[in-house]
N, C-alpha and C. Protein backbone atom coordinates (compact mmCIF):
# COMPACT_ATOMS: atom_id res chain seq x y z
N MET A 1 104.34 119.21 135.15
CA MET A 1 104.79 119.97 135.77
C MET A 1 106.53 119.91 136.50
N SER A 2 107.13 121.58 136.07
CA SER A 2 108.44 121.14 136.88
C SER A 2 108.73 121.47 137.97
N HIS A 3 109.15 120.43 138.97
CA HIS A 3 110.08 120.35 139.97
C HIS A 3 111.04 120.44 140.36
N ILE A 4 111.37 122.04 140.27
CA ILE A 4 113.13 122.51 140.69
C ILE A 4 113.74 122.68 142.13
N GLY A 5 114.94 122.29 142.39
CA GLY A 5 115.20 122.73 143.59
C GLY A 5 116.40 124.20 143.35
N ILE A 6 116.42 124.69 144.16
CA ILE A 6 117.40 125.87 144.07
C ILE A 6 118.30 125.93 145.01
N PHE A 7 119.55 126.00 145.01
CA PHE A 7 120.79 125.95 145.75
C PHE A 7 121.77 127.19 145.99
N GLY A 8 121.51 128.36 146.36
CA GLY A 8 122.15 128.93 146.26
C GLY A 8 123.35 128.93 147.78
N GLY A 9 124.45 129.82 147.75
CA GLY A 9 125.38 130.31 148.52
C GLY A 9 126.87 131.09 147.72
N THR A 10 127.62 131.19 148.82
CA THR A 10 129.20 131.91 148.52
C THR A 10 129.57 130.73 147.55
N PHE A 11 129.46 129.66 148.02
CA PHE A 11 130.67 128.93 147.43
C PHE A 11 132.34 128.95 147.30
N ASP A 12 132.23 129.28 148.61
CA ASP A 12 134.15 129.70 148.43
C ASP A 12 135.05 128.85 149.14
N PRO A 13 135.03 127.36 148.51
CA PRO A 13 135.18 126.76 147.94
C PRO A 13 133.19 126.11 148.05
N ILE A 14 133.16 125.58 146.56
CA ILE A 14 131.88 124.47 146.73
C ILE A 14 132.68 123.06 147.43
N HIS A 15 131.63 122.50 147.93
CA HIS A 15 132.39 121.21 148.76
C HIS A 15 131.96 119.74 148.62
N ASN A 16 132.13 119.13 149.10
CA ASN A 16 131.77 117.66 148.89
C ASN A 16 130.44 117.41 150.29
N GLY A 17 130.89 118.32 150.89
CA GLY A 17 129.00 118.33 151.55
C GLY A 17 127.87 119.00 151.13
N HIS A 18 128.52 119.54 150.48
CA HIS A 18 127.62 120.58 149.80
C HIS A 18 127.08 119.89 148.69
N LEU A 19 127.88 118.77 148.26
CA LEU A 19 127.21 117.49 146.63
C LEU A 19 126.37 116.43 147.30
N ILE A 20 126.80 116.20 148.44
CA ILE A 20 126.31 114.77 149.28
C ILE A 20 125.02 115.23 149.86
N THR A 21 124.63 116.31 150.29
CA THR A 21 123.96 116.66 151.03
C THR A 21 122.78 116.91 149.75
N VAL A 22 123.06 117.71 148.92
CA VAL A 22 121.95 117.97 147.78
C VAL A 22 121.24 116.85 146.84
N ILE A 23 122.19 115.90 147.21
CA ILE A 23 122.13 114.32 146.63
C ILE A 23 121.00 114.06 146.86
N ASN A 24 121.08 114.07 148.58
CA ASN A 24 119.64 113.56 148.85
C ASN A 24 118.32 113.82 148.79
N VAL A 25 118.89 115.53 149.33
CA VAL A 25 117.61 116.37 148.60
C VAL A 25 117.23 116.28 147.61
N LEU A 26 117.64 115.57 146.46
CA LEU A 26 116.95 115.91 144.81
C LEU A 26 116.51 114.34 144.70
N ASP A 27 116.73 113.49 146.06
CA ASP A 27 116.17 112.26 145.66
C ASP A 27 114.65 111.71 146.57
N HIS A 28 114.93 112.21 147.86
CA HIS A 28 113.99 113.07 148.99
C HIS A 28 113.17 113.68 148.19
N ARG A 29 112.98 114.71 147.52
CA ARG A 29 111.98 115.39 146.90
C ARG A 29 111.42 115.14 145.39
N ASN A 30 111.97 114.21 145.20
CA ASN A 30 111.42 113.94 143.80
C ASN A 30 111.96 114.69 142.69
N LEU A 31 113.08 115.88 142.56
CA LEU A 31 113.02 116.99 141.78
C LEU A 31 113.47 116.79 140.49
N ASP A 32 112.95 117.65 139.98
CA ASP A 32 113.78 117.16 138.09
C ASP A 32 115.04 117.44 137.91
N LYS A 33 115.54 118.75 138.71
CA LYS A 33 116.90 118.75 138.96
C LYS A 33 117.16 119.86 140.24
N ILE A 34 118.64 120.03 140.58
CA ILE A 34 118.73 120.54 141.22
C ILE A 34 119.52 122.06 140.47
N ILE A 35 119.21 123.52 140.71
CA ILE A 35 120.24 124.48 140.58
C ILE A 35 121.10 125.37 141.19
N PHE A 36 122.07 125.10 141.03
CA PHE A 36 123.19 125.87 142.31
C PHE A 36 123.18 127.31 141.46
N VAL A 37 123.41 128.21 142.60
CA VAL A 37 122.65 129.64 141.90
C VAL A 37 124.32 130.25 143.13
N PRO A 38 125.70 130.29 142.34
CA PRO A 38 126.16 131.48 143.30
C PRO A 38 126.47 132.82 143.57
N CYS A 39 126.07 133.68 144.89
CA CYS A 39 125.77 134.87 144.80
C CYS A 39 127.04 135.50 144.26
N PHE A 40 126.31 136.58 144.49
CA PHE A 40 127.97 137.86 144.06
C PHE A 40 128.13 138.33 145.39
N ILE A 41 127.36 138.76 146.15
CA ILE A 41 127.39 139.21 147.67
C ILE A 41 126.45 138.83 148.38
N SER A 42 126.74 137.65 149.36
CA SER A 42 125.54 137.53 149.96
C SER A 42 125.19 138.91 151.37
N PRO A 43 123.80 138.68 150.93
CA PRO A 43 122.99 140.03 152.12
C PRO A 43 123.92 140.06 153.72
N LEU A 44 123.92 138.75 154.11
CA LEU A 44 124.33 138.45 155.25
C LEU A 44 125.92 138.52 155.47
N LYS A 45 126.40 138.63 154.15
CA LYS A 45 127.92 138.63 154.05
C LYS A 45 128.62 139.77 153.60
N THR A 46 127.96 140.34 153.88
CA THR A 46 128.40 142.37 152.79
C THR A 46 129.98 142.52 153.86
N GLY A 47 130.79 142.81 153.21
CA GLY A 47 132.00 143.22 153.37
C GLY A 47 133.01 142.33 153.83
N VAL A 48 132.45 140.94 153.78
CA VAL A 48 133.43 139.69 153.78
C VAL A 48 134.03 139.64 152.66
N ASP A 49 135.39 139.36 152.81
CA ASP A 49 136.31 139.13 152.12
C ASP A 49 136.21 137.52 151.18
N SER A 50 135.85 137.69 150.10
CA SER A 50 135.66 136.16 148.80
C SER A 50 135.79 136.29 147.86
N SER A 51 136.85 135.07 147.48
CA SER A 51 136.89 135.23 145.71
C SER A 51 136.07 135.59 144.94
N SER A 52 136.92 135.44 143.40
CA SER A 52 136.03 136.48 142.94
C SER A 52 134.72 135.71 142.65
N ALA A 53 133.55 136.36 141.87
CA ALA A 53 132.31 135.55 141.20
C ALA A 53 132.68 134.28 140.56
N ASP A 54 133.80 134.78 139.25
CA ASP A 54 134.26 134.22 138.09
C ASP A 54 134.71 132.80 138.53
N ASP A 55 135.66 133.20 139.64
CA ASP A 55 136.15 132.13 140.71
C ASP A 55 135.25 131.38 141.15
N ARG A 56 134.41 131.56 141.88
CA ARG A 56 133.36 130.58 142.44
C ARG A 56 132.52 130.15 141.79
N LEU A 57 131.95 130.99 140.27
CA LEU A 57 130.77 130.25 139.17
C LEU A 57 131.42 129.04 139.07
N LYS A 58 133.01 129.45 138.64
CA LYS A 58 133.39 128.06 137.61
C LYS A 58 134.19 126.98 138.30
N MET A 59 134.33 127.14 139.57
CA MET A 59 134.40 125.75 140.88
C MET A 59 132.76 125.19 141.13
N VAL A 60 131.96 125.85 140.61
CA VAL A 60 130.86 125.67 141.21
C VAL A 60 130.39 124.23 139.34
N GLN A 61 130.49 125.25 138.36
CA GLN A 61 130.93 124.29 137.39
C GLN A 61 131.30 123.10 137.05
N LEU A 62 132.90 123.09 137.56
CA LEU A 62 133.78 121.99 137.39
C LEU A 62 132.97 120.88 138.82
N ALA A 63 132.54 121.66 139.56
CA ALA A 63 132.17 120.16 140.64
C ALA A 63 130.84 119.60 140.42
N ILE A 64 130.49 120.12 139.48
CA ILE A 64 128.95 119.58 139.11
C ILE A 64 128.58 118.79 137.72
N LYS A 65 129.82 119.22 137.15
CA LYS A 65 129.46 118.95 135.70
C LYS A 65 129.74 117.57 134.96
N ASP A 66 129.52 116.44 135.92
CA ASP A 66 129.18 115.13 135.15
C ASP A 66 127.79 114.57 136.18
N VAL A 67 126.51 115.49 136.75
CA VAL A 67 126.01 115.18 137.57
C VAL A 67 124.67 115.87 136.58
N SER A 68 123.62 115.09 135.86
CA SER A 68 123.21 115.87 134.67
C SER A 68 121.84 116.27 135.13
N ARG A 69 121.80 115.68 136.94
CA ARG A 69 120.18 116.46 137.20
C ARG A 69 120.85 117.73 138.14
N PHE A 70 122.10 118.38 137.78
CA PHE A 70 122.70 119.80 138.44
C PHE A 70 122.84 120.43 137.15
N GLU A 71 122.26 121.72 137.67
CA GLU A 71 122.82 122.80 136.67
C GLU A 71 123.59 124.06 137.62
N CYS A 72 124.03 124.82 136.64
CA CYS A 72 124.86 126.02 137.93
C CYS A 72 123.86 127.01 136.66
N SER A 73 123.53 128.28 137.93
CA SER A 73 123.03 129.29 137.10
C SER A 73 124.16 130.70 137.39
N ASP A 74 124.02 131.45 136.16
CA ASP A 74 124.94 132.61 136.76
C ASP A 74 124.16 133.87 137.10
N TYR A 75 123.22 133.57 137.01
CA TYR A 75 121.92 134.73 137.06
C TYR A 75 122.14 135.65 138.31
N GLU A 76 123.13 135.28 139.47
CA GLU A 76 122.27 136.35 140.54
C GLU A 76 124.55 137.27 140.24
N ILE A 77 125.40 136.18 139.73
CA ILE A 77 126.56 136.75 139.44
C ILE A 77 126.07 137.71 138.08
N LYS A 78 125.24 137.56 137.22
CA LYS A 78 125.14 138.54 136.41
C LYS A 78 124.63 140.07 136.69
N ASN A 79 124.23 139.70 137.75
CA ASN A 79 122.78 140.93 138.38
C ASN A 79 124.29 142.09 139.22
N LYS A 80 124.95 141.39 139.24
CA LYS A 80 126.05 142.31 140.32
C LYS A 80 125.09 142.57 141.70
N GLY A 81 125.90 143.55 142.57
CA GLY A 81 125.43 143.74 143.70
C GLY A 81 125.06 142.69 144.66
N VAL A 82 124.35 142.84 145.90
CA VAL A 82 123.44 142.30 146.82
C VAL A 82 122.89 141.37 145.75
N SER A 83 122.82 139.84 146.41
CA SER A 83 122.06 139.05 145.89
C SER A 83 120.97 138.74 147.27
N PHE A 84 119.39 138.76 146.56
CA PHE A 84 118.67 138.33 147.33
C PHE A 84 117.93 137.08 146.45
N THR A 85 117.59 136.51 147.92
CA THR A 85 117.08 135.50 147.42
C THR A 85 115.96 135.70 146.33
N ILE A 86 114.75 136.31 147.33
CA ILE A 86 113.63 136.72 146.80
C ILE A 86 113.51 136.99 145.14
N ASP A 87 114.23 137.96 144.62
CA ASP A 87 114.62 138.19 143.42
C ASP A 87 114.97 136.62 142.23
N THR A 88 115.59 135.90 142.88
CA THR A 88 116.47 134.85 142.40
C THR A 88 114.99 133.99 142.44
N ILE A 89 114.28 133.91 143.28
CA ILE A 89 112.93 133.02 143.36
C ILE A 89 111.99 133.05 141.99
N LYS A 90 111.83 134.45 142.21
CA LYS A 90 110.81 135.05 141.08
C LYS A 90 111.27 134.87 139.36
N HIS A 91 112.75 135.33 139.07
CA HIS A 91 113.31 135.16 138.57
C HIS A 91 112.99 133.60 138.10
N PHE A 92 113.33 132.34 139.02
CA PHE A 92 113.37 131.04 138.04
C PHE A 92 111.72 130.46 137.87
N LYS A 93 110.95 131.16 139.01
CA LYS A 93 109.66 130.74 139.17
C LYS A 93 108.94 131.66 137.28
N GLN A 94 109.63 132.30 136.52
CA GLN A 94 109.00 132.65 135.32
C GLN A 94 109.06 130.87 134.36
N PHE A 95 109.86 130.00 134.61
CA PHE A 95 110.52 129.10 133.90
C PHE A 95 109.77 127.94 134.76
N TYR A 96 110.05 127.79 135.82
CA TYR A 96 109.40 126.45 136.56
C TYR A 96 108.15 126.49 137.47
N ASP A 97 107.50 125.50 137.22
CA ASP A 97 106.01 125.41 137.61
C ASP A 97 105.89 125.46 139.41
N GLU A 98 107.30 124.90 140.18
CA GLU A 98 107.08 124.87 141.69
C GLU A 98 108.67 124.83 142.10
N ILE A 99 109.11 124.98 143.09
CA ILE A 99 110.59 125.35 143.50
C ILE A 99 110.63 125.15 144.82
N ASP A 100 111.78 124.55 144.95
CA ASP A 100 112.03 124.29 146.22
C ASP A 100 113.49 124.80 146.75
N LEU A 101 113.61 126.14 147.81
CA LEU A 101 114.48 126.56 148.40
C LEU A 101 115.49 125.86 149.04
N ILE A 102 116.33 125.21 149.02
CA ILE A 102 117.03 124.55 150.01
C ILE A 102 117.69 124.89 150.39
N ILE A 103 118.11 125.29 152.04
CA ILE A 103 119.28 126.20 152.58
C ILE A 103 119.60 125.13 154.11
N GLY A 104 120.35 125.48 155.03
CA GLY A 104 120.98 124.76 155.90
C GLY A 104 120.34 125.20 156.94
N TYR A 105 119.92 124.33 158.26
CA TYR A 105 119.09 125.11 159.05
C TYR A 105 119.41 126.05 160.02
N ASP A 106 121.23 126.13 159.62
CA ASP A 106 121.56 127.67 160.36
C ASP A 106 120.82 129.06 159.41
N ASN A 107 120.20 128.88 158.37
CA ASN A 107 119.54 130.11 157.69
C ASN A 107 118.25 130.49 158.59
N ILE A 108 117.64 128.84 158.68
CA ILE A 108 116.15 129.12 158.70
C ILE A 108 116.06 130.00 160.24
N ALA A 109 117.12 129.89 160.76
CA ALA A 109 117.27 130.55 162.25
C ALA A 109 117.32 131.91 162.43
N SER A 110 117.91 132.52 161.09
CA SER A 110 117.93 133.85 160.79
C SER A 110 117.23 134.12 159.97
N PHE A 111 115.80 133.35 158.90
CA PHE A 111 115.43 134.07 158.19
C PHE A 111 114.23 134.79 158.17
N ASN A 112 114.42 135.51 159.15
CA ASN A 112 113.57 137.04 159.72
C ASN A 112 114.26 137.95 159.28
N LYS A 113 115.49 137.92 158.85
CA LYS A 113 116.48 139.01 158.25
C LYS A 113 116.39 139.00 157.08
N TRP A 114 115.95 137.79 156.16
CA TRP A 114 116.38 137.71 155.09
C TRP A 114 115.55 138.71 154.53
N LYS A 115 115.05 139.22 152.88
CA LYS A 115 114.29 140.26 152.54
C LYS A 115 113.16 138.97 151.65
N ASP A 116 112.53 140.01 152.58
CA ASP A 116 110.59 139.30 152.30
C ASP A 116 110.82 137.96 152.61
N PRO A 117 110.64 137.62 153.70
CA PRO A 117 110.83 136.06 154.26
C PRO A 117 109.29 135.67 153.68
N ASP A 118 108.40 136.46 154.37
CA ASP A 118 107.21 135.53 154.07
C ASP A 118 106.73 135.36 152.43
N LYS A 119 107.05 136.49 151.44
CA LYS A 119 107.10 135.98 150.18
C LYS A 119 107.31 135.30 149.71
N ILE A 120 108.69 135.07 149.96
CA ILE A 120 109.49 133.45 149.46
C ILE A 120 109.00 132.06 149.87
N PHE A 121 107.82 132.49 151.31
CA PHE A 121 107.45 130.99 151.51
C PHE A 121 106.48 131.04 150.39
N ASN A 122 105.91 131.92 150.06
CA ASN A 122 104.65 131.87 149.23
C ASN A 122 105.09 131.77 147.57
N LEU A 123 106.27 132.35 147.52
CA LEU A 123 107.14 131.44 146.07
C LEU A 123 107.18 129.79 145.62
N ALA A 124 107.84 129.34 147.01
CA ALA A 124 109.09 128.42 147.36
C ALA A 124 107.92 127.25 148.29
N ASN A 125 108.42 126.39 147.73
CA ASN A 125 108.89 125.21 149.19
C ASN A 125 110.41 125.82 150.16
N VAL A 126 110.24 126.23 151.25
CA VAL A 126 111.43 125.99 152.01
C VAL A 126 112.02 124.62 152.35
N VAL A 127 112.82 124.32 152.29
CA VAL A 127 113.51 122.98 152.42
C VAL A 127 114.77 123.42 153.23
N VAL A 128 114.56 122.51 154.44
CA VAL A 128 115.54 122.81 155.38
C VAL A 128 116.38 121.61 156.17
N LEU A 129 117.84 121.66 155.53
CA LEU A 129 118.87 120.63 155.91
C LEU A 129 118.99 121.01 157.39
N ARG A 130 118.55 119.82 157.76
CA ARG A 130 119.17 119.40 159.28
C ARG A 130 119.41 118.31 159.63
N ARG A 131 120.70 118.35 159.86
CA ARG A 131 121.40 117.70 160.75
C ARG A 131 121.01 116.97 161.81
N ASN A 132 121.36 115.74 162.38
CA ASN A 132 121.10 115.03 163.81
C ASN A 132 121.96 116.09 164.94
N ILE A 133 122.60 117.28 164.82
CA ILE A 133 123.23 117.84 165.94
C ILE A 133 122.48 119.06 165.99
N ASP A 134 121.37 119.13 164.90
CA ASP A 134 120.95 120.85 165.23
C ASP A 134 119.64 120.73 166.38
N THR A 135 119.65 121.69 166.97
CA THR A 135 118.56 121.41 167.75
C THR A 135 117.60 122.85 167.79
N GLU A 136 116.22 121.88 168.27
CA GLU A 136 115.30 123.63 167.59
C GLU A 136 115.55 124.23 168.28
N SER A 137 114.61 124.94 167.22
CA SER A 137 115.18 126.71 167.48
C SER A 137 113.72 127.41 167.84
N GLY A 138 113.70 126.94 168.93
CA GLY A 138 112.54 127.85 169.75
C GLY A 138 111.20 127.92 168.87
N ASP A 139 110.82 129.06 168.93
CA ASP A 139 109.54 129.45 168.52
C ASP A 139 109.74 129.88 167.01
N ASN A 140 110.35 129.73 166.14
CA ASN A 140 110.61 130.19 165.01
C ASN A 140 109.15 129.75 163.69
N LYS A 141 108.86 130.57 163.63
CA LYS A 141 107.25 130.39 162.60
C LYS A 141 108.18 130.41 161.51
N TYR A 142 109.05 130.27 160.76
CA TYR A 142 109.46 130.19 159.38
C TYR A 142 109.45 128.32 159.77
N LEU A 143 110.45 128.22 160.50
CA LEU A 143 110.57 126.45 160.85
C LEU A 143 109.53 125.70 160.88
N LYS A 144 108.77 126.60 161.34
CA LYS A 144 107.13 125.29 161.38
C LYS A 144 106.48 125.20 160.04
N ARG A 145 106.99 126.64 159.21
CA ARG A 145 106.32 126.63 157.78
C ARG A 145 107.18 125.48 156.88
N ALA A 146 108.63 125.44 156.68
CA ALA A 146 109.15 124.93 156.20
C ALA A 146 108.89 123.26 156.18
N VAL A 147 109.77 122.76 154.97
CA VAL A 147 110.10 120.84 154.68
C VAL A 147 111.36 121.36 155.17
N VAL A 148 111.37 120.21 156.74
CA VAL A 148 112.38 119.68 157.16
C VAL A 148 113.18 118.18 156.60
N ILE A 149 114.50 118.67 156.18
CA ILE A 149 115.04 117.37 155.81
C ILE A 149 116.21 116.73 156.28
N ASP A 150 116.36 115.42 157.02
CA ASP A 150 117.35 115.17 157.63
C ASP A 150 118.20 114.93 156.92
N THR A 151 119.47 115.25 157.06
CA THR A 151 120.76 115.06 155.93
C THR A 151 121.31 114.18 157.12
N PRO A 152 122.35 113.93 156.17
CA PRO A 152 124.13 113.11 157.28
C PRO A 152 124.88 114.46 157.79
N ILE A 153 125.61 114.28 158.66
CA ILE A 153 126.67 114.85 159.15
C ILE A 153 127.75 114.89 158.70
N ILE A 154 127.88 115.95 157.43
CA ILE A 154 129.53 116.04 157.17
C ILE A 154 130.54 117.31 157.53
N ASP A 155 131.28 116.87 158.09
CA ASP A 155 132.16 117.89 158.70
C ASP A 155 133.04 118.96 157.97
N ILE A 156 132.62 119.15 156.48
CA ILE A 156 132.89 120.12 155.67
C ILE A 156 132.82 121.43 155.99
N SER A 157 133.94 122.39 156.07
CA SER A 157 133.04 123.94 155.65
C SER A 157 134.08 124.76 154.97
N SER A 158 133.80 125.34 154.44
CA SER A 158 134.21 126.11 153.16
C SER A 158 135.23 126.74 153.74
N THR A 159 135.24 127.52 154.60
CA THR A 159 136.41 128.42 155.88
C THR A 159 137.38 127.37 156.59
N LYS A 160 137.33 125.79 156.56
CA LYS A 160 137.82 124.96 156.81
C LYS A 160 139.06 124.33 155.54
N ILE A 161 138.60 124.45 154.53
CA ILE A 161 139.33 124.42 153.22
C ILE A 161 139.91 125.53 153.29
N ARG A 162 139.03 127.05 152.95
CA ARG A 162 140.41 127.92 152.44
C ARG A 162 141.78 127.89 153.98
N GLU A 163 141.40 127.68 155.21
CA GLU A 163 142.35 127.60 156.18
C GLU A 163 143.79 126.07 155.84
N LYS A 164 143.06 125.31 155.32
CA LYS A 164 143.89 124.31 155.03
C LYS A 164 144.81 124.71 153.77
N VAL A 165 144.26 125.37 152.78
CA VAL A 165 144.76 125.77 151.79
C VAL A 165 146.25 127.02 151.88
N LYS A 166 145.48 127.74 152.80
CA LYS A 166 146.35 128.54 152.99
C LYS A 166 148.03 128.17 153.69
N ASN A 167 147.37 126.92 154.47
CA ASN A 167 148.50 126.39 155.63
C ASN A 167 149.26 125.25 154.91
N ASN A 168 149.07 125.34 153.28
CA ASN A 168 149.36 124.01 152.90
C ASN A 168 149.20 122.98 153.30
N LEU A 169 148.14 122.60 153.61
CA LEU A 169 147.79 121.22 154.02
C LEU A 169 146.44 120.64 152.76
N PRO A 170 147.03 119.80 152.72
CA PRO A 170 145.74 118.32 151.56
C PRO A 170 144.29 119.15 152.29
N ILE A 171 143.81 119.45 150.92
CA ILE A 171 141.97 118.92 150.96
C ILE A 171 141.37 118.10 149.95
N ASP A 172 142.62 116.86 149.65
CA ASP A 172 141.64 115.54 149.49
C ASP A 172 140.81 115.00 150.05
N HIS A 173 139.80 114.95 149.15
CA HIS A 173 138.28 114.36 149.70
C HIS A 173 137.34 115.45 150.53
N LEU A 174 137.66 116.47 150.26
CA LEU A 174 137.12 117.55 151.41
C LEU A 174 136.44 118.13 149.91
N VAL A 175 136.82 118.16 148.64
CA VAL A 175 136.18 119.03 147.21
C VAL A 175 136.12 118.05 146.28
N PRO A 176 135.53 118.24 145.40
CA PRO A 176 135.65 117.55 143.96
C PRO A 176 137.54 117.63 143.57
N GLU A 177 137.97 116.93 142.36
CA GLU A 177 139.37 116.77 142.19
C GLU A 177 139.55 117.67 141.07
N THR A 178 138.07 118.76 140.48
CA THR A 178 138.10 119.12 139.38
C THR A 178 138.89 120.30 140.34
N VAL A 179 137.56 120.95 141.74
CA VAL A 179 137.86 122.06 142.53
C VAL A 179 139.29 121.88 142.80
N LYS A 180 139.81 120.80 143.29
CA LYS A 180 141.17 121.01 144.38
C LYS A 180 141.95 121.39 142.91
N SER A 181 141.90 121.12 141.81
CA SER A 181 143.35 121.54 140.94
C SER A 181 142.40 123.26 140.51
N TYR A 182 141.38 123.39 140.31
CA TYR A 182 141.73 124.54 139.81
C TYR A 182 142.12 125.81 141.04
N ILE A 183 141.39 125.25 142.35
CA ILE A 183 142.01 126.17 143.32
C ILE A 183 143.74 126.26 143.38
N LYS A 184 144.55 125.35 142.76
CA LYS A 184 145.76 125.40 142.62
C LYS A 184 146.72 125.71 141.67
N GLU A 185 145.46 125.93 140.46
CA GLU A 185 146.06 126.46 139.32
C GLU A 185 146.06 127.74 139.46
N ASN A 186 144.60 128.23 140.23
CA ASN A 186 144.69 130.12 140.71
C ASN A 186 145.15 130.42 141.97
N ASN A 187 145.61 129.30 142.17
CA ASN A 187 146.30 130.22 143.58
C ASN A 187 145.92 130.92 144.58
N LEU A 188 143.95 129.84 144.87
CA LEU A 188 143.00 131.37 145.19
C LEU A 188 143.60 130.87 146.83
N TYR A 189 143.34 131.69 147.51
CA TYR A 189 143.74 130.43 149.52
C TYR A 189 144.83 131.19 149.35
N ARG A 190 145.77 131.46 149.01
CA ARG A 190 146.86 131.54 149.16
C ARG A 190 146.98 132.20 150.58
N ASN A 191 146.72 134.26 149.99
CA ASN A 191 147.01 135.51 150.67
C ASN A 191 146.04 135.93 151.20
N LYS A 192 145.34 134.64 151.61
CA LYS A 192 144.17 135.68 152.59
C LYS A 192 144.13 135.51 153.65
């Protein structure tokens, strides 16, 4: 029986915090693999200026190329438009028996704003990454249904990385070397 994880996001850029966190999930949940799914447009980030889908996809591919149990899918990018998680899960359900949808703790707090949140729970295990600085979010019915995994605190954000690049500050150890080179070679985040 196949059991995979799906880890979606804007990944602008993907960074070491993403990678370290999902490696923990891979082992903790005993998954066959984790599929990274860069979105075309995040439903909760419409109107936000981000790098091209091709650049973000390429950075994910470069970041995970040496990890045999990581894959990258261009499913949401090929579909264009707003990327809804429910559609992505339905797509992958055709090929895999069991799916873990891996999300951050901040996402479960706004899960009621997602498209068809109850259907997502019917099709996948929702695995929430919680750092010990996250506080319980009250009476969240989705949090109660989710699998919560404590993860290390890794204070890296894509926003901070973009700001550093824009201000000509080093991003060593924040992103994989291949991603750092790609950002530099393609002059990303300089004019934003």
